[in-house]
Amino acid sequence: MDATKHEPPRDWSHPPFAQADLPVVGVSWIDAVVYCAWRSEQDGRPVRLPTEAEWEFAARGRQAALFPWGDVMPAWIPNGGRGPLQAPWPVTLGEPTDFGLLGIATNVHEWCADWYDKDYYSRSPERNPAGPDQGVRRAARGGAWRHARTMCRVTLRSHLVPSFRYNDFGFRLARSL
């Protein structure tokens, strides 16, 4: 934030969201993209937001299941996946996916690079679709701690205006190989 002169995320210093082991939330899509640019410069290797297709592949892994861990909600999901909860839980909670990812599809909605179009996948390329060229809202994937169900199927999509900041929205970095 100091380097980019970017304002802090929503609820940045509110105790339920300010612990070091929690995901950063309250960031807009714009905030996430600014962070990616800063991080890319710092590391000398580009990072970005994943496309929806990349996010789904990462969440699904090598299986065709409803959730990243199979067709049944895992026992480690707080409160049996029922919410809303008071705040997000630590990012290290739970079992990793096939690709070693923690907490994907649960805890926090994750911004994706794509514009959102509810009908896009009916006409998109079959392999690695990159989303529509324009839109009003940006796509997000994953469940969130403040909803009635804190975990969602790997195929479930959501969307939000890119400048909005909600304390159940965060992001995950992607890097092209």
N, C-alpha and C. Protein backbone atom coordinates (compact mmCIF):
# COMPACT_ATOMS: atom_id res chain seq x y z
N MET A 1 0.84 -1.18 0.00
CA MET A 1 0.00 0.00 0.00
C MET A 1 0.88 1.24 0.00
N ASP A 2 1.98 1.19 0.74
CA ASP A 2 2.88 2.34 0.76
C ASP A 2 3.49 2.59 -0.62
N ALA A 3 3.95 1.53 -1.27
CA ALA A 3 4.62 1.67 -2.56
C ALA A 3 3.67 2.15 -3.64
N THR A 4 2.43 1.71 -3.63
CA THR A 4 1.48 2.07 -4.69
C THR A 4 0.59 3.25 -4.31
N LYS A 5 0.69 3.68 -3.06
CA LYS A 5 -0.18 4.76 -2.54
C LYS A 5 -1.65 4.36 -2.64
N HIS A 6 -1.88 3.07 -2.54
CA HIS A 6 -3.23 2.53 -2.63
C HIS A 6 -3.85 2.50 -1.24
N GLU A 7 -5.12 2.80 -1.14
CA GLU A 7 -5.78 2.80 0.16
C GLU A 7 -5.92 1.37 0.69
N PRO A 8 -5.98 1.23 2.01
CA PRO A 8 -6.11 -0.11 2.60
C PRO A 8 -7.45 -0.75 2.23
N PRO A 9 -7.48 -2.10 2.23
CA PRO A 9 -8.74 -2.79 1.99
C PRO A 9 -9.77 -2.45 3.07
N ARG A 10 -11.01 -2.66 2.72
CA ARG A 10 -12.11 -2.46 3.67
C ARG A 10 -11.88 -3.34 4.90
N ASP A 11 -12.12 -2.81 6.07
CA ASP A 11 -11.98 -3.52 7.35
C ASP A 11 -10.55 -3.98 7.62
N TRP A 12 -9.57 -3.36 7.00
CA TRP A 12 -8.15 -3.74 7.14
C TRP A 12 -7.70 -3.82 8.59
N SER A 13 -8.14 -2.91 9.43
CA SER A 13 -7.69 -2.93 10.83
C SER A 13 -8.76 -3.42 11.80
N HIS A 14 -9.89 -3.86 11.30
CA HIS A 14 -10.95 -4.41 12.16
C HIS A 14 -10.49 -5.77 12.67
N PRO A 15 -10.44 -5.99 13.99
CA PRO A 15 -9.84 -7.21 14.56
C PRO A 15 -10.24 -8.55 13.92
N PRO A 16 -11.52 -8.79 13.59
CA PRO A 16 -11.83 -10.10 12.99
C PRO A 16 -11.18 -10.33 11.61
N PHE A 17 -10.65 -9.27 11.00
CA PHE A 17 -10.06 -9.37 9.66
C PHE A 17 -8.57 -9.04 9.65
N ALA A 18 -8.00 -8.69 10.78
CA ALA A 18 -6.65 -8.15 10.82
C ALA A 18 -5.58 -9.14 11.29
N GLN A 19 -5.91 -10.40 11.41
CA GLN A 19 -4.92 -11.37 11.87
C GLN A 19 -4.07 -11.86 10.69
N ALA A 20 -2.82 -12.13 10.94
CA ALA A 20 -1.86 -12.48 9.89
C ALA A 20 -2.19 -13.76 9.13
N ASP A 21 -2.94 -14.67 9.73
CA ASP A 21 -3.22 -15.95 9.05
C ASP A 21 -4.56 -15.95 8.31
N LEU A 22 -5.18 -14.80 8.19
CA LEU A 22 -6.46 -14.70 7.49
C LEU A 22 -6.24 -14.20 6.06
N PRO A 23 -7.16 -14.52 5.15
CA PRO A 23 -7.02 -13.99 3.80
C PRO A 23 -7.26 -12.48 3.80
N VAL A 24 -6.61 -11.79 2.90
CA VAL A 24 -6.88 -10.37 2.72
C VAL A 24 -8.23 -10.26 2.03
N VAL A 25 -9.13 -9.50 2.61
CA VAL A 25 -10.47 -9.32 2.06
C VAL A 25 -10.78 -7.83 1.98
N GLY A 26 -11.92 -7.51 1.39
CA GLY A 26 -12.31 -6.11 1.27
C GLY A 26 -11.57 -5.41 0.15
N VAL A 27 -11.08 -6.19 -0.81
CA VAL A 27 -10.36 -5.62 -1.94
C VAL A 27 -11.26 -5.66 -3.18
N SER A 28 -11.18 -4.61 -3.94
CA SER A 28 -11.90 -4.58 -5.21
C SER A 28 -11.09 -5.32 -6.27
N TRP A 29 -11.70 -5.56 -7.41
CA TRP A 29 -10.97 -6.15 -8.53
C TRP A 29 -9.82 -5.23 -8.92
N ILE A 30 -10.08 -3.93 -8.90
CA ILE A 30 -9.04 -2.94 -9.24
C ILE A 30 -7.89 -3.04 -8.26
N ASP A 31 -8.18 -3.15 -6.96
CA ASP A 31 -7.12 -3.31 -5.94
C ASP A 31 -6.27 -4.54 -6.25
N ALA A 32 -6.93 -5.64 -6.59
CA ALA A 32 -6.22 -6.89 -6.86
C ALA A 32 -5.30 -6.75 -8.07
N VAL A 33 -5.75 -6.08 -9.10
CA VAL A 33 -4.93 -5.89 -10.30
C VAL A 33 -3.73 -4.99 -9.99
N VAL A 34 -3.94 -3.95 -9.20
CA VAL A 34 -2.82 -3.08 -8.79
C VAL A 34 -1.80 -3.89 -7.99
N TYR A 35 -2.27 -4.75 -7.10
CA TYR A 35 -1.36 -5.59 -6.33
C TYR A 35 -0.56 -6.51 -7.26
N CYS A 36 -1.24 -7.11 -8.23
CA CYS A 36 -0.55 -8.00 -9.17
C CYS A 36 0.57 -7.26 -9.90
N ALA A 37 0.31 -6.04 -10.35
CA ALA A 37 1.33 -5.25 -11.04
C ALA A 37 2.50 -4.96 -10.11
N TRP A 38 2.21 -4.55 -8.88
CA TRP A 38 3.27 -4.27 -7.91
C TRP A 38 4.09 -5.53 -7.61
N ARG A 39 3.40 -6.63 -7.36
CA ARG A 39 4.08 -7.89 -7.03
C ARG A 39 4.94 -8.37 -8.19
N SER A 40 4.44 -8.23 -9.41
CA SER A 40 5.20 -8.62 -10.60
C SER A 40 6.50 -7.84 -10.69
N GLU A 41 6.42 -6.56 -10.41
CA GLU A 41 7.62 -5.71 -10.44
C GLU A 41 8.60 -6.11 -9.34
N GLN A 42 8.09 -6.38 -8.15
CA GLN A 42 8.94 -6.77 -7.03
C GLN A 42 9.67 -8.09 -7.28
N ASP A 43 8.93 -9.06 -7.81
CA ASP A 43 9.48 -10.41 -8.02
C ASP A 43 10.26 -10.55 -9.33
N GLY A 44 10.02 -9.63 -10.27
CA GLY A 44 10.64 -9.77 -11.57
C GLY A 44 10.02 -10.89 -12.40
N ARG A 45 8.89 -11.40 -11.94
CA ARG A 45 8.14 -12.45 -12.64
C ARG A 45 6.68 -12.06 -12.60
N PRO A 46 6.00 -12.04 -13.74
CA PRO A 46 4.61 -11.57 -13.74
C PRO A 46 3.64 -12.50 -13.01
N VAL A 47 2.76 -11.89 -12.25
CA VAL A 47 1.62 -12.58 -11.65
C VAL A 47 0.38 -11.83 -12.06
N ARG A 48 -0.75 -12.50 -11.98
CA ARG A 48 -2.01 -11.92 -12.43
C ARG A 48 -3.15 -12.64 -11.74
N LEU A 49 -4.36 -12.18 -11.99
CA LEU A 49 -5.54 -12.91 -11.54
C LEU A 49 -5.78 -14.06 -12.51
N PRO A 50 -6.25 -15.19 -12.03
CA PRO A 50 -6.54 -16.30 -12.94
C PRO A 50 -7.81 -16.01 -13.74
N THR A 51 -7.90 -16.62 -14.91
CA THR A 51 -9.17 -16.60 -15.62
C THR A 51 -10.13 -17.52 -14.87
N GLU A 52 -11.40 -17.42 -15.19
CA GLU A 52 -12.37 -18.34 -14.57
C GLU A 52 -12.02 -19.79 -14.89
N ALA A 53 -11.61 -20.04 -16.13
CA ALA A 53 -11.27 -21.41 -16.53
C ALA A 53 -10.08 -21.92 -15.74
N GLU A 54 -9.07 -21.08 -15.55
CA GLU A 54 -7.90 -21.49 -14.76
C GLU A 54 -8.29 -21.75 -13.32
N TRP A 55 -9.13 -20.86 -12.77
CA TRP A 55 -9.56 -21.03 -11.38
C TRP A 55 -10.30 -22.35 -11.23
N GLU A 56 -11.23 -22.63 -12.14
CA GLU A 56 -12.01 -23.87 -12.03
C GLU A 56 -11.11 -25.09 -12.17
N PHE A 57 -10.16 -25.05 -13.09
CA PHE A 57 -9.24 -26.18 -13.25
C PHE A 57 -8.42 -26.38 -11.98
N ALA A 58 -7.94 -25.28 -11.40
CA ALA A 58 -7.16 -25.38 -10.15
C ALA A 58 -8.01 -25.93 -9.02
N ALA A 59 -9.26 -25.52 -8.94
CA ALA A 59 -10.16 -26.00 -7.87
C ALA A 59 -10.56 -27.45 -8.10
N ARG A 60 -10.84 -27.80 -9.32
CA ARG A 60 -11.31 -29.15 -9.64
C ARG A 60 -10.19 -30.17 -9.54
N GLY A 61 -9.00 -29.78 -9.93
CA GLY A 61 -7.89 -30.74 -9.92
C GLY A 61 -8.08 -31.78 -11.00
N ARG A 62 -7.67 -32.97 -10.71
CA ARG A 62 -7.71 -34.05 -11.70
C ARG A 62 -8.98 -34.89 -11.58
N GLN A 63 -9.96 -34.41 -10.86
CA GLN A 63 -11.18 -35.19 -10.67
C GLN A 63 -12.39 -34.43 -11.20
N ALA A 64 -13.47 -35.13 -11.40
CA ALA A 64 -14.71 -34.51 -11.85
C ALA A 64 -15.69 -34.54 -10.69
N ALA A 65 -15.38 -33.82 -9.63
CA ALA A 65 -16.19 -33.82 -8.42
C ALA A 65 -16.87 -32.47 -8.24
N LEU A 66 -17.83 -32.42 -7.34
CA LEU A 66 -18.55 -31.18 -7.05
C LEU A 66 -17.67 -30.14 -6.35
N PHE A 67 -16.83 -30.62 -5.43
CA PHE A 67 -15.98 -29.74 -4.63
C PHE A 67 -14.51 -30.11 -4.87
N PRO A 68 -13.57 -29.26 -4.51
CA PRO A 68 -12.16 -29.60 -4.71
C PRO A 68 -11.73 -30.90 -4.01
N TRP A 69 -12.43 -31.29 -2.96
CA TRP A 69 -12.04 -32.47 -2.18
C TRP A 69 -12.94 -33.66 -2.43
N GLY A 70 -13.80 -33.61 -3.43
CA GLY A 70 -14.70 -34.72 -3.74
C GLY A 70 -16.15 -34.27 -3.80
N ASP A 71 -17.06 -35.20 -3.68
CA ASP A 71 -18.49 -34.89 -3.78
C ASP A 71 -19.15 -34.63 -2.44
N VAL A 72 -18.40 -34.74 -1.37
CA VAL A 72 -18.92 -34.52 -0.02
C VAL A 72 -18.12 -33.40 0.64
N MET A 73 -18.82 -32.55 1.36
CA MET A 73 -18.14 -31.47 2.05
C MET A 73 -17.21 -32.05 3.11
N PRO A 74 -15.94 -31.64 3.15
CA PRO A 74 -15.01 -32.18 4.13
C PRO A 74 -15.35 -31.76 5.56
N ALA A 75 -14.98 -32.58 6.50
CA ALA A 75 -15.28 -32.34 7.92
C ALA A 75 -14.58 -31.10 8.46
N TRP A 76 -13.48 -30.68 7.87
CA TRP A 76 -12.73 -29.55 8.40
C TRP A 76 -13.35 -28.19 8.07
N ILE A 77 -14.32 -28.13 7.17
CA ILE A 77 -14.98 -26.85 6.86
C ILE A 77 -15.71 -26.38 8.11
N PRO A 78 -15.41 -25.16 8.59
CA PRO A 78 -16.06 -24.69 9.82
C PRO A 78 -17.58 -24.74 9.75
N ASN A 79 -18.17 -25.15 10.85
CA ASN A 79 -19.62 -25.21 11.03
C ASN A 79 -20.31 -26.06 9.96
N GLY A 80 -19.62 -27.05 9.45
CA GLY A 80 -20.21 -27.94 8.46
C GLY A 80 -20.59 -27.26 7.16
N GLY A 81 -19.97 -26.12 6.88
CA GLY A 81 -20.29 -25.38 5.66
C GLY A 81 -21.51 -24.50 5.77
N ARG A 82 -22.07 -24.44 6.96
CA ARG A 82 -23.25 -23.58 7.17
C ARG A 82 -22.79 -22.24 7.73
N GLY A 83 -23.34 -21.19 7.25
CA GLY A 83 -22.99 -19.86 7.71
C GLY A 83 -24.26 -19.08 7.96
N PRO A 84 -24.16 -17.81 8.11
CA PRO A 84 -22.91 -17.06 8.01
C PRO A 84 -22.07 -17.21 9.28
N LEU A 85 -20.78 -17.02 9.11
CA LEU A 85 -19.84 -17.03 10.22
C LEU A 85 -19.49 -15.59 10.58
N GLN A 86 -18.70 -15.41 11.61
CA GLN A 86 -18.33 -14.06 12.05
C GLN A 86 -17.27 -13.40 11.17
N ALA A 87 -16.41 -14.21 10.58
CA ALA A 87 -15.30 -13.70 9.77
C ALA A 87 -14.68 -14.88 9.03
N PRO A 88 -13.76 -14.61 8.11
CA PRO A 88 -13.09 -15.72 7.44
C PRO A 88 -12.20 -16.50 8.41
N TRP A 89 -11.89 -17.73 8.03
CA TRP A 89 -11.03 -18.56 8.87
C TRP A 89 -9.61 -18.56 8.31
N PRO A 90 -8.64 -19.06 9.07
CA PRO A 90 -7.23 -19.04 8.62
C PRO A 90 -7.03 -19.73 7.27
N VAL A 91 -6.13 -19.18 6.48
CA VAL A 91 -5.88 -19.71 5.14
C VAL A 91 -5.22 -21.08 5.17
N THR A 92 -4.65 -21.48 6.27
CA THR A 92 -3.98 -22.78 6.36
C THR A 92 -4.91 -23.90 6.83
N LEU A 93 -6.16 -23.58 7.13
CA LEU A 93 -7.09 -24.59 7.60
C LEU A 93 -7.46 -25.56 6.49
N GLY A 94 -7.47 -26.83 6.79
CA GLY A 94 -7.96 -27.82 5.84
C GLY A 94 -6.89 -28.57 5.10
N GLU A 95 -7.36 -29.35 4.14
CA GLU A 95 -6.49 -30.20 3.33
C GLU A 95 -6.21 -29.53 1.99
N PRO A 96 -5.03 -29.72 1.44
CA PRO A 96 -4.75 -29.16 0.11
C PRO A 96 -5.46 -29.94 -0.99
N THR A 97 -5.68 -29.28 -2.09
CA THR A 97 -6.25 -29.92 -3.28
C THR A 97 -5.16 -30.74 -3.97
N ASP A 98 -5.52 -31.36 -5.09
CA ASP A 98 -4.54 -32.10 -5.90
C ASP A 98 -3.33 -31.24 -6.26
N PHE A 99 -3.55 -29.94 -6.42
CA PHE A 99 -2.48 -29.03 -6.81
C PHE A 99 -1.84 -28.33 -5.62
N GLY A 100 -2.19 -28.72 -4.40
CA GLY A 100 -1.59 -28.15 -3.21
C GLY A 100 -2.21 -26.84 -2.76
N LEU A 101 -3.37 -26.48 -3.28
CA LEU A 101 -4.03 -25.23 -2.92
C LEU A 101 -4.87 -25.42 -1.66
N LEU A 102 -4.86 -24.42 -0.82
CA LEU A 102 -5.66 -24.43 0.40
C LEU A 102 -6.83 -23.46 0.25
N GLY A 103 -7.99 -23.86 0.73
CA GLY A 103 -9.13 -22.96 0.84
C GLY A 103 -9.81 -22.53 -0.43
N ILE A 104 -9.49 -23.12 -1.55
CA ILE A 104 -10.15 -22.70 -2.79
C ILE A 104 -11.58 -23.25 -2.80
N ALA A 105 -12.51 -22.47 -3.27
CA ALA A 105 -13.95 -22.78 -3.34
C ALA A 105 -14.66 -22.57 -2.03
N THR A 106 -13.98 -22.03 -1.05
CA THR A 106 -14.59 -21.83 0.26
C THR A 106 -13.93 -20.65 0.97
N ASN A 107 -14.59 -20.10 1.94
CA ASN A 107 -14.06 -19.03 2.80
C ASN A 107 -14.19 -17.64 2.19
N VAL A 108 -13.67 -17.41 0.97
CA VAL A 108 -13.66 -16.07 0.38
C VAL A 108 -13.92 -16.17 -1.12
N HIS A 109 -14.82 -15.33 -1.64
CA HIS A 109 -14.98 -15.22 -3.09
C HIS A 109 -13.65 -14.71 -3.65
N GLU A 110 -13.21 -15.27 -4.76
CA GLU A 110 -11.93 -14.89 -5.35
C GLU A 110 -12.14 -14.26 -6.72
N TRP A 111 -11.63 -13.03 -6.86
CA TRP A 111 -11.73 -12.32 -8.13
C TRP A 111 -11.03 -13.10 -9.23
N CYS A 112 -11.58 -13.07 -10.42
CA CYS A 112 -10.96 -13.64 -11.61
C CYS A 112 -10.72 -12.52 -12.62
N ALA A 113 -9.88 -12.77 -13.59
CA ALA A 113 -9.53 -11.76 -14.59
C ALA A 113 -10.69 -11.43 -15.52
N ASP A 114 -11.60 -12.36 -15.73
CA ASP A 114 -12.63 -12.24 -16.76
C ASP A 114 -13.73 -11.23 -16.44
N TRP A 115 -14.25 -10.64 -17.52
CA TRP A 115 -15.53 -9.97 -17.42
C TRP A 115 -16.59 -11.05 -17.26
N TYR A 116 -17.69 -10.71 -16.64
CA TYR A 116 -18.77 -11.68 -16.43
C TYR A 116 -19.83 -11.52 -17.51
N ASP A 117 -20.25 -12.65 -18.05
CA ASP A 117 -21.39 -12.72 -18.97
C ASP A 117 -22.06 -14.04 -18.67
N LYS A 118 -23.30 -14.00 -18.23
CA LYS A 118 -23.97 -15.23 -17.79
C LYS A 118 -24.07 -16.27 -18.90
N ASP A 119 -24.08 -15.86 -20.16
CA ASP A 119 -24.21 -16.79 -21.27
C ASP A 119 -22.89 -17.11 -21.97
N TYR A 120 -21.79 -16.60 -21.46
CA TYR A 120 -20.51 -16.74 -22.15
C TYR A 120 -20.15 -18.19 -22.47
N TYR A 121 -20.34 -19.08 -21.51
CA TYR A 121 -19.90 -20.46 -21.72
C TYR A 121 -20.75 -21.23 -22.72
N SER A 122 -21.89 -20.69 -23.12
CA SER A 122 -22.69 -21.35 -24.17
C SER A 122 -22.09 -21.12 -25.55
N ARG A 123 -21.18 -20.14 -25.67
CA ARG A 123 -20.57 -19.84 -26.97
C ARG A 123 -19.04 -19.71 -26.90
N SER A 124 -18.46 -20.01 -25.78
CA SER A 124 -17.01 -19.85 -25.60
C SER A 124 -16.23 -20.99 -26.26
N PRO A 125 -14.92 -20.78 -26.47
CA PRO A 125 -14.09 -21.89 -26.93
C PRO A 125 -14.13 -23.02 -25.89
N GLU A 126 -14.02 -24.24 -26.34
CA GLU A 126 -14.10 -25.38 -25.42
C GLU A 126 -12.86 -25.46 -24.52
N ARG A 127 -11.70 -25.11 -25.05
CA ARG A 127 -10.46 -25.21 -24.28
C ARG A 127 -9.98 -23.83 -23.84
N ASN A 128 -9.77 -23.69 -22.56
CA ASN A 128 -9.20 -22.49 -21.94
C ASN A 128 -9.87 -21.19 -22.37
N PRO A 129 -11.17 -21.05 -22.18
CA PRO A 129 -11.83 -19.78 -22.52
C PRO A 129 -11.32 -18.65 -21.63
N ALA A 130 -11.14 -17.49 -22.22
CA ALA A 130 -10.57 -16.34 -21.50
C ALA A 130 -11.61 -15.30 -21.11
N GLY A 131 -12.87 -15.57 -21.27
CA GLY A 131 -13.90 -14.61 -20.89
C GLY A 131 -14.18 -13.62 -21.99
N PRO A 132 -15.31 -12.91 -21.87
CA PRO A 132 -15.68 -11.92 -22.89
C PRO A 132 -14.71 -10.74 -22.91
N ASP A 133 -14.69 -10.00 -24.00
CA ASP A 133 -13.78 -8.87 -24.17
C ASP A 133 -14.19 -7.64 -23.38
N GLN A 134 -15.46 -7.57 -22.99
CA GLN A 134 -15.92 -6.40 -22.25
C GLN A 134 -17.10 -6.79 -21.38
N GLY A 135 -17.47 -5.88 -20.50
CA GLY A 135 -18.59 -6.14 -19.62
C GLY A 135 -18.75 -5.03 -18.59
N VAL A 136 -19.62 -5.25 -17.65
CA VAL A 136 -19.88 -4.29 -16.58
C VAL A 136 -19.37 -4.83 -15.25
N ARG A 137 -19.47 -6.13 -15.07
CA ARG A 137 -19.05 -6.79 -13.82
C ARG A 137 -17.92 -7.76 -14.09
N ARG A 138 -17.11 -7.97 -13.07
CA ARG A 138 -16.01 -8.95 -13.15
C ARG A 138 -16.45 -10.24 -12.47
N ALA A 139 -15.94 -11.34 -12.97
CA ALA A 139 -16.27 -12.66 -12.45
C ALA A 139 -15.50 -12.95 -11.17
N ALA A 140 -16.11 -13.76 -10.33
CA ALA A 140 -15.46 -14.27 -9.12
C ALA A 140 -15.89 -15.71 -8.94
N ARG A 141 -15.08 -16.46 -8.23
CA ARG A 141 -15.38 -17.87 -7.96
C ARG A 141 -15.17 -18.14 -6.48
N GLY A 142 -15.81 -19.21 -6.00
CA GLY A 142 -15.61 -19.67 -4.63
C GLY A 142 -16.71 -19.21 -3.69
N GLY A 143 -16.87 -19.93 -2.60
CA GLY A 143 -17.84 -19.61 -1.58
C GLY A 143 -17.31 -18.55 -0.64
N ALA A 144 -18.08 -18.20 0.36
CA ALA A 144 -17.63 -17.17 1.29
C ALA A 144 -18.22 -17.38 2.68
N TRP A 145 -17.46 -16.97 3.67
CA TRP A 145 -17.79 -17.16 5.08
C TRP A 145 -19.09 -16.49 5.48
N ARG A 146 -19.52 -15.45 4.81
CA ARG A 146 -20.70 -14.72 5.27
C ARG A 146 -22.01 -15.15 4.62
N HIS A 147 -21.98 -16.23 3.87
CA HIS A 147 -23.19 -16.74 3.21
C HIS A 147 -23.75 -17.95 3.94
N ALA A 148 -24.97 -18.31 3.59
CA ALA A 148 -25.63 -19.46 4.22
C ALA A 148 -24.85 -20.75 3.97
N ARG A 149 -24.20 -20.85 2.81
CA ARG A 149 -23.29 -21.96 2.51
C ARG A 149 -21.92 -21.35 2.30
N THR A 150 -20.95 -21.76 3.08
CA THR A 150 -19.62 -21.14 3.01
C THR A 150 -18.73 -21.77 1.95
N MET A 151 -19.17 -22.87 1.37
CA MET A 151 -18.40 -23.55 0.34
C MET A 151 -19.30 -23.74 -0.87
N CYS A 152 -18.72 -23.69 -2.06
CA CYS A 152 -19.57 -23.88 -3.24
C CYS A 152 -18.93 -24.85 -4.22
N ARG A 153 -19.77 -25.34 -5.13
CA ARG A 153 -19.29 -26.23 -6.18
C ARG A 153 -18.23 -25.51 -7.02
N VAL A 154 -17.35 -26.27 -7.62
CA VAL A 154 -16.27 -25.67 -8.41
C VAL A 154 -16.79 -24.95 -9.65
N THR A 155 -18.02 -25.21 -10.07
CA THR A 155 -18.58 -24.58 -11.26
C THR A 155 -19.38 -23.31 -10.96
N LEU A 156 -19.65 -23.02 -9.71
CA LEU A 156 -20.49 -21.87 -9.36
C LEU A 156 -19.76 -20.56 -9.62
N ARG A 157 -20.46 -19.63 -10.24
CA ARG A 157 -19.89 -18.33 -10.61
C ARG A 157 -20.61 -17.21 -9.87
N SER A 158 -19.89 -16.13 -9.59
CA SER A 158 -20.51 -14.92 -9.08
C SER A 158 -19.88 -13.73 -9.81
N HIS A 159 -20.39 -12.54 -9.55
CA HIS A 159 -19.90 -11.36 -10.26
C HIS A 159 -20.18 -10.12 -9.45
N LEU A 160 -19.38 -9.10 -9.70
CA LEU A 160 -19.49 -7.86 -8.95
C LEU A 160 -18.88 -6.72 -9.78
N VAL A 161 -19.34 -5.51 -9.55
CA VAL A 161 -18.74 -4.33 -10.18
C VAL A 161 -17.28 -4.25 -9.73
N PRO A 162 -16.34 -4.02 -10.65
CA PRO A 162 -14.91 -4.09 -10.31
C PRO A 162 -14.44 -3.14 -9.21
N SER A 163 -15.15 -2.07 -8.96
CA SER A 163 -14.71 -1.11 -7.93
C SER A 163 -15.28 -1.42 -6.55
N PHE A 164 -16.21 -2.36 -6.45
CA PHE A 164 -16.83 -2.67 -5.16
C PHE A 164 -15.87 -3.43 -4.26
N ARG A 165 -16.00 -3.16 -2.96
CA ARG A 165 -15.19 -3.83 -1.95
C ARG A 165 -16.12 -4.44 -0.91
N TYR A 166 -16.09 -5.75 -0.82
CA TYR A 166 -16.85 -6.44 0.22
C TYR A 166 -15.87 -7.28 1.04
N ASN A 167 -16.19 -7.43 2.32
CA ASN A 167 -15.24 -8.14 3.18
C ASN A 167 -15.33 -9.66 3.06
N ASP A 168 -15.98 -10.15 2.03
CA ASP A 168 -15.92 -11.58 1.73
C ASP A 168 -15.34 -11.82 0.33
N PHE A 169 -14.71 -10.80 -0.24
CA PHE A 169 -14.04 -10.89 -1.53
C PHE A 169 -12.53 -10.71 -1.34
N GLY A 170 -11.78 -11.61 -1.96
CA GLY A 170 -10.32 -11.54 -1.97
C GLY A 170 -9.82 -11.99 -3.33
N PHE A 171 -8.60 -12.50 -3.38
CA PHE A 171 -8.07 -12.96 -4.65
C PHE A 171 -6.93 -13.95 -4.44
N ARG A 172 -6.62 -14.66 -5.49
CA ARG A 172 -5.55 -15.66 -5.53
C ARG A 172 -4.70 -15.32 -6.75
N LEU A 173 -3.40 -15.39 -6.62
CA LEU A 173 -2.51 -15.08 -7.73
C LEU A 173 -2.33 -16.26 -8.67
N ALA A 174 -2.08 -15.93 -9.93
CA ALA A 174 -1.77 -16.95 -10.94
C ALA A 174 -0.50 -16.50 -11.66
N ARG A 175 0.21 -17.46 -12.16
CA ARG A 175 1.42 -17.18 -12.94
C ARG A 175 1.40 -18.09 -14.16
N SER A 176 1.67 -17.52 -15.32
CA SER A 176 1.75 -18.31 -16.53
C SER A 176 3.05 -19.11 -16.51
N LEU A 177 2.95 -20.35 -16.95
CA LEU A 177 4.15 -21.21 -16.97
C LEU A 177 4.71 -21.30 -18.37
